Amino acid sequence: MFGLELPFMDQPLPWLSWLLAAVGVIVIGIAKSGFGGGLGVLAVPLFILAMGEKPGLGTLLPLLIAADIFSVYNHWGGWDRRNLRHLMPGSLLGIIAGTVLLWWMIGQPGFSPPAGAGGAEGAEATGAAVSETGDRAKATISLAVGLVCVLYIVLDLVRMRLAPRWRYPSGPIKGGLTGMAAGIVSTLVHAAGPIATIYMLGQHLPKAKLVGTAVIYFFTVNTIKLLPYFALGMIDTSTLWKGLWLLPLVPLGTALGMKMHRWMSEAVFRTIVFIMLLISGGMLIRDALTAMT
């Protein structure tokens, strides 16, 4: 069904593709089980570098769900049901909107070919390496998420100095809009972790409640995303085969993340999450500006 060949052998440097993908999986596990997923956005460029855009995103989704399952087990029952009720309706609409955008982007030249030797022929066949329109659309989304991350950090530092007791209360409208944004970004580029993290950080949720809510939320969102990813051909036997080889690294990453979660105090946790948001936002802004130039 899958074939017996080792993954990544069609890439110019198979060992490098293995290394990038392996690091990405461990980062996912640590981010999800330890911090709720904000740093997991770092895995996206690693997977795209390892195997190309379409196969990278397709291989990543089942691994995200596997990490979600381990993380839900580690944080079982620790979620905030009120936040989930507010986030999920908008998330479903966001996934639908994201699916339409993803379907359009897949039709753009240059989206499908992998980064390695196998992708060069596909790019030549389309007559263009990357579609400027599709590339700018993805770059705009990444830029918006990155700017939100950095702006949130600046505003929260101001809040801590001027109004340390102020909180951003949850609500059906705020949660619905946040969920819609997260659903769109998650469907397109698996980078909605910072959006959900910002929403819950503003409520000053305890670290266990924040991570518990994030892991069950993204388990639900990522599982729903399987439908459009299979329908659009983002996941196939090739991506599943690659993911199967990388799967043993998922429990390793989640175990490391859980150890870090138990070790951290609330203050250390918030500081690390802020640093993660700054790194994630900076990477998204850099990648977006690079794609736009």
Protein backbone atom coordinates (compact mmCIF):
# COMPACT_ATOMS: atom_id res chain seq x y z
CA MET A 1 0.00 0.00 0.00
CA PHE A 2 2.65 2.49 1.07
CA GLY A 3 5.65 0.94 -0.61
CA LEU A 4 8.80 -0.18 1.20
CA GLU A 5 11.16 2.64 0.28
CA LEU A 6 12.46 4.94 3.00
CA PRO A 7 10.90 8.40 3.11
CA PHE A 8 12.82 11.44 1.83
CA MET A 9 15.04 9.43 -0.52
CA ASP A 10 13.82 11.62 -3.40
CA GLN A 11 15.27 14.72 -1.72
CA PRO A 12 18.75 16.07 -2.57
CA LEU A 13 19.88 15.60 1.06
CA PRO A 14 17.73 12.85 2.64
CA TRP A 15 19.54 13.03 5.99
CA LEU A 16 18.76 16.75 6.25
CA SER A 17 15.09 16.18 5.47
CA TRP A 18 15.00 13.50 8.17
CA LEU A 19 16.64 15.86 10.66
CA LEU A 20 14.31 18.79 9.92
CA ALA A 21 11.18 16.63 10.16
CA ALA A 22 12.36 14.88 13.35
CA VAL A 23 13.11 18.19 15.08
CA GLY A 24 9.72 19.47 13.96
CA VAL A 25 7.88 16.51 15.51
CA ILE A 26 9.69 16.86 18.85
CA VAL A 27 8.97 20.62 18.87
CA ILE A 28 5.27 19.86 18.28
CA GLY A 29 5.15 17.44 21.23
CA ILE A 30 6.93 19.82 23.62
CA ALA A 31 4.82 22.80 22.53
CA LYS A 32 1.47 21.04 22.83
CA SER A 33 1.95 19.12 26.07
CA GLY A 34 4.03 21.77 27.79
CA PHE A 35 2.61 25.07 26.59
CA GLY A 36 -0.63 24.43 24.69
CA GLY A 37 0.84 24.63 21.19
CA GLY A 38 2.02 28.20 20.60
CA LEU A 39 5.56 27.20 19.63
CA GLY A 40 4.27 24.44 17.35
CA VAL A 41 4.18 26.98 14.52
CA LEU A 42 7.96 26.52 14.29
CA ALA A 43 7.37 22.99 12.96
CA VAL A 44 5.60 24.27 9.83
CA PRO A 45 8.65 25.77 8.06
CA LEU A 46 10.74 22.75 9.12
CA PHE A 47 8.33 20.34 7.43
CA ILE A 48 8.03 22.52 4.32
CA LEU A 49 11.83 22.66 4.05
CA ALA A 50 12.02 18.88 4.54
CA MET A 51 9.52 17.86 1.87
CA GLY A 52 7.82 20.81 0.19
CA GLU A 53 4.65 22.78 0.85
CA LYS A 54 1.73 20.51 0.04
CA PRO A 55 3.29 17.20 1.26
CA GLY A 56 4.74 19.02 4.28
CA LEU A 57 1.36 20.34 5.43
CA GLY A 58 -0.30 17.00 4.64
CA THR A 59 2.26 14.96 6.58
CA LEU A 60 2.12 17.34 9.52
CA LEU A 61 -1.63 17.15 10.22
CA PRO A 62 -1.86 13.48 11.36
CA LEU A 63 1.25 14.05 13.51
CA LEU A 64 -0.40 17.09 15.09
CA ILE A 65 -3.42 14.96 15.92
CA ALA A 66 -1.19 12.24 17.40
CA ALA A 67 0.48 14.86 19.60
CA ASP A 68 -2.97 16.19 20.52
CA ILE A 69 -4.06 12.72 21.65
CA PHE A 70 -1.05 12.28 23.94
CA SER A 71 -1.46 15.84 25.25
CA VAL A 72 -5.20 15.40 25.92
CA TYR A 73 -4.36 12.27 27.91
CA ASN A 74 -1.73 14.18 29.91
CA HIS A 75 -4.14 17.05 30.65
CA TRP A 76 -7.39 15.08 30.81
CA GLY A 77 -10.29 17.05 32.30
CA GLY A 78 -8.22 20.21 32.73
CA TRP A 79 -10.01 22.29 30.10
CA ASP A 80 -12.35 25.25 30.48
CA ARG A 81 -15.71 24.29 28.99
CA ARG A 82 -16.93 27.88 28.76
CA ASN A 83 -14.05 28.84 26.49
CA LEU A 84 -14.62 25.79 24.32
CA ARG A 85 -18.31 26.67 23.89
CA HIS A 86 -17.33 30.17 22.78
CA LEU A 87 -14.51 29.13 20.44
CA MET A 88 -15.93 26.14 18.56
CA PRO A 89 -18.84 27.65 16.53
CA GLY A 90 -16.56 30.28 14.97
CA SER A 91 -13.84 27.66 14.47
CA LEU A 92 -16.16 25.52 12.35
CA LEU A 93 -16.95 28.52 10.13
CA GLY A 94 -13.25 29.31 9.94
CA ILE A 95 -12.38 25.78 8.85
CA ILE A 96 -14.97 26.02 6.06
CA ALA A 97 -13.61 29.39 4.91
CA GLY A 98 -10.05 28.09 5.19
CA THR A 99 -10.94 25.04 3.11
CA VAL A 100 -12.25 27.27 0.29
CA LEU A 101 -9.05 29.35 0.39
CA LEU A 102 -6.89 26.23 0.50
CA TRP A 103 -8.73 24.76 -2.50
CA TRP A 104 -8.00 28.00 -4.39
CA MET A 105 -4.34 28.04 -3.35
CA ILE A 106 -3.79 24.42 -4.41
CA GLY A 107 -4.85 25.45 -7.90
CA GLN A 108 -2.08 28.04 -8.05
CA PRO A 109 1.12 27.04 -9.91
CA GLY A 110 4.00 26.18 -7.63
CA PHE A 111 1.95 25.15 -4.59
CA SER A 112 2.27 21.38 -4.92
CA PRO A 113 5.89 20.62 -5.88
CA PRO A 114 8.18 19.44 -3.08
CA ALA A 115 11.34 21.34 -2.23
CA GLY A 116 13.64 18.57 -3.42
CA ALA A 117 14.57 17.15 -6.81
CA GLY A 118 11.15 15.63 -7.33
CA GLY A 119 9.58 19.10 -7.13
CA ALA A 120 11.66 20.69 -9.88
CA GLU A 121 9.90 18.76 -12.62
CA GLY A 122 6.51 19.72 -11.23
CA ALA A 123 7.47 23.38 -11.17
CA GLU A 124 8.74 23.26 -14.75
CA ALA A 125 5.56 21.55 -15.88
CA THR A 126 3.46 24.41 -14.52
CA GLY A 127 5.69 27.00 -16.15
CA ALA A 128 6.19 28.92 -12.85
CA ALA A 129 7.98 28.14 -9.60
CA VAL A 130 5.46 29.89 -7.38
CA SER A 131 2.24 31.71 -8.12
CA GLU A 132 2.60 35.34 -7.05
CA THR A 133 -1.09 35.64 -6.18
CA GLY A 134 -1.23 32.50 -4.02
CA ASP A 135 2.10 33.29 -2.40
CA ARG A 136 1.02 36.79 -1.44
CA ALA A 137 -2.26 35.49 0.01
CA LYS A 138 -0.40 33.08 2.31
CA ALA A 139 2.17 35.73 3.17
CA THR A 140 -0.57 38.20 4.12
CA ILE A 141 -2.10 35.67 6.52
CA SER A 142 1.28 34.93 8.10
CA LEU A 143 2.05 38.64 8.41
CA ALA A 144 -1.27 39.34 10.13
CA VAL A 145 -0.78 36.53 12.68
CA GLY A 146 2.81 37.60 13.32
CA LEU A 147 1.86 41.23 13.88
CA VAL A 148 -0.94 40.20 16.26
CA CYS A 149 1.57 38.17 18.31
CA VAL A 150 4.04 41.04 18.64
CA LEU A 151 1.34 43.66 19.23
CA TYR A 152 -0.23 41.54 21.97
CA ILE A 153 3.08 41.30 23.82
CA VAL A 154 3.58 45.08 23.66
CA LEU A 155 0.03 45.79 24.84
CA ASP A 156 0.22 43.25 27.66
CA LEU A 157 3.48 44.73 28.92
CA VAL A 158 1.74 48.11 29.02
CA ARG A 159 -1.26 46.54 30.79
CA MET A 160 0.95 44.93 33.46
CA ARG A 161 2.40 48.34 34.28
CA LEU A 162 -0.80 50.42 34.11
CA ALA A 163 -3.60 47.96 34.99
CA PRO A 164 -2.15 44.70 36.35
CA ARG A 165 -5.55 43.33 37.43
CA TRP A 166 -7.33 43.90 34.12
CA ARG A 167 -8.53 40.78 32.30
CA TYR A 168 -9.88 40.14 28.82
CA PRO A 169 -13.14 38.31 29.58
CA SER A 170 -14.35 35.45 27.41
CA GLY A 171 -17.63 35.80 25.56
CA PRO A 172 -19.54 34.25 22.64
CA ILE A 173 -18.77 37.12 20.23
CA LYS A 174 -15.10 37.47 21.20
CA GLY A 175 -14.68 33.70 21.28
CA GLY A 176 -16.51 33.29 17.99
CA LEU A 177 -14.31 35.80 16.18
CA THR A 178 -11.16 34.32 17.72
CA GLY A 179 -12.30 30.83 16.76
CA MET A 180 -13.02 31.90 13.19
CA ALA A 181 -9.56 33.43 12.82
CA ALA A 182 -7.98 30.34 14.36
CA GLY A 183 -9.98 28.02 12.10
CA ILE A 184 -8.89 29.83 8.92
CA VAL A 185 -5.21 30.07 9.87
CA SER A 186 -5.10 26.51 11.19
CA THR A 187 -6.59 25.10 7.99
CA LEU A 188 -4.20 27.03 5.76
CA VAL A 189 -0.87 26.87 7.57
CA HIS A 190 -1.27 25.00 10.93
CA ALA A 191 -0.29 28.23 12.73
CA ALA A 192 -3.32 29.08 14.90
CA GLY A 193 -1.62 28.21 18.20
CA PRO A 194 -0.59 31.82 18.91
CA ILE A 195 -4.14 33.08 18.25
CA ALA A 196 -5.74 30.74 20.80
CA THR A 197 -2.90 31.33 23.26
CA ILE A 198 -3.33 35.11 23.12
CA TYR A 199 -7.09 34.78 23.67
CA MET A 200 -6.64 32.64 26.78
CA LEU A 201 -3.62 34.51 28.16
CA GLY A 202 -5.75 37.64 28.30
CA GLN A 203 -8.12 35.86 30.68
CA HIS A 204 -5.24 35.02 33.06
CA LEU A 205 -6.14 31.34 33.04
CA PRO A 206 -3.89 29.17 35.23
CA LYS A 207 -1.28 27.29 33.21
CA ALA A 208 -2.99 23.90 33.67
CA LYS A 209 -6.35 25.30 32.54
CA LEU A 210 -4.82 27.16 29.57
CA VAL A 211 -2.89 24.14 28.27
CA GLY A 212 -5.78 21.76 28.96
CA THR A 213 -8.19 23.97 27.01
CA ALA A 214 -5.74 24.45 24.14
CA VAL A 215 -4.99 20.75 23.65
CA ILE A 216 -8.64 19.59 23.56
CA TYR A 217 -9.54 22.56 21.33
CA PHE A 218 -6.84 21.81 18.76
CA PHE A 219 -7.51 18.08 18.91
CA THR A 220 -11.09 18.86 17.84
CA VAL A 221 -10.07 21.42 15.19
CA ASN A 222 -7.32 19.23 13.71
CA THR A 223 -9.57 16.17 13.58
CA ILE A 224 -12.22 18.14 11.68
CA LYS A 225 -9.52 19.36 9.27
CA LEU A 226 -8.87 15.76 8.19
CA LEU A 227 -12.00 15.91 6.02
CA PRO A 228 -10.90 18.77 3.74
CA TYR A 229 -7.27 17.60 3.73
CA PHE A 230 -8.26 14.16 2.43
CA ALA A 231 -10.80 15.67 0.02
CA LEU A 232 -8.25 18.10 -1.43
CA GLY A 233 -5.52 15.46 -1.76
CA MET A 234 -3.29 17.06 0.88
CA ILE A 235 -3.06 13.69 2.65
CA ASP A 236 -2.30 10.55 0.64
CA THR A 237 -0.45 7.26 1.09
CA SER A 238 2.89 9.01 0.65
CA THR A 239 2.32 11.55 3.43
CA LEU A 240 0.86 8.87 5.73
CA TRP A 241 3.94 6.70 5.13
CA LYS A 242 6.28 9.56 6.07
CA GLY A 243 4.20 10.30 9.15
CA LEU A 244 4.30 6.66 10.23
CA TRP A 245 8.10 6.74 10.31
CA LEU A 246 8.06 9.95 12.38
CA LEU A 247 5.28 8.85 14.75
CA PRO A 248 7.55 7.32 17.47
CA LEU A 249 8.98 10.78 18.13
CA VAL A 250 5.56 12.15 19.15
CA PRO A 251 5.40 10.55 22.65
CA LEU A 252 9.00 11.59 23.24
CA GLY A 253 8.16 15.23 22.55
CA THR A 254 4.94 15.21 24.61
CA ALA A 255 6.71 13.54 27.56
CA LEU A 256 9.41 16.24 27.51
CA GLY A 257 6.73 18.92 27.31
CA MET A 258 4.82 17.47 30.25
CA LYS A 259 7.96 17.40 32.41
CA MET A 260 8.58 21.06 31.62
CA HIS A 261 4.93 21.91 32.37
CA ARG A 262 5.08 20.31 35.82
CA TRP A 263 8.40 21.98 36.64
CA MET A 264 7.36 25.55 35.77
CA SER A 265 5.73 28.03 38.10
CA GLU A 266 2.88 30.21 36.81
CA ALA A 267 5.25 33.20 36.41
CA VAL A 268 7.86 31.14 34.53
CA PHE A 269 5.13 29.63 32.35
CA ARG A 270 3.79 33.05 31.28
CA THR A 271 7.30 34.33 30.61
CA ILE A 272 8.15 31.34 28.40
CA VAL A 273 4.84 31.60 26.55
CA PHE A 274 5.52 35.30 25.91
CA ILE A 275 8.95 34.43 24.51
CA MET A 276 7.38 31.71 22.35
CA LEU A 277 4.83 34.17 21.00
CA LEU A 278 7.58 36.68 20.22
CA ILE A 279 9.64 34.03 18.39
CA SER A 280 6.61 32.70 16.52
CA GLY A 281 5.44 36.18 15.58
CA GLY A 282 8.90 37.22 14.46
CA MET A 283 9.29 34.13 12.27
CA LEU A 284 5.87 34.63 10.67
CA ILE A 285 6.62 38.30 9.93
CA ARG A 286 10.05 37.48 8.52
CA ASP A 287 8.71 34.70 6.28
CA ALA A 288 5.83 36.88 5.10
CA LEU A 289 8.05 39.85 4.22
CA THR A 290 10.49 37.53 2.45
CA ALA A 291 7.67 36.08 0.34
CA MET A 292 6.35 39.55 -0.50
CA THR A 293 9.68 40.93 -1.74
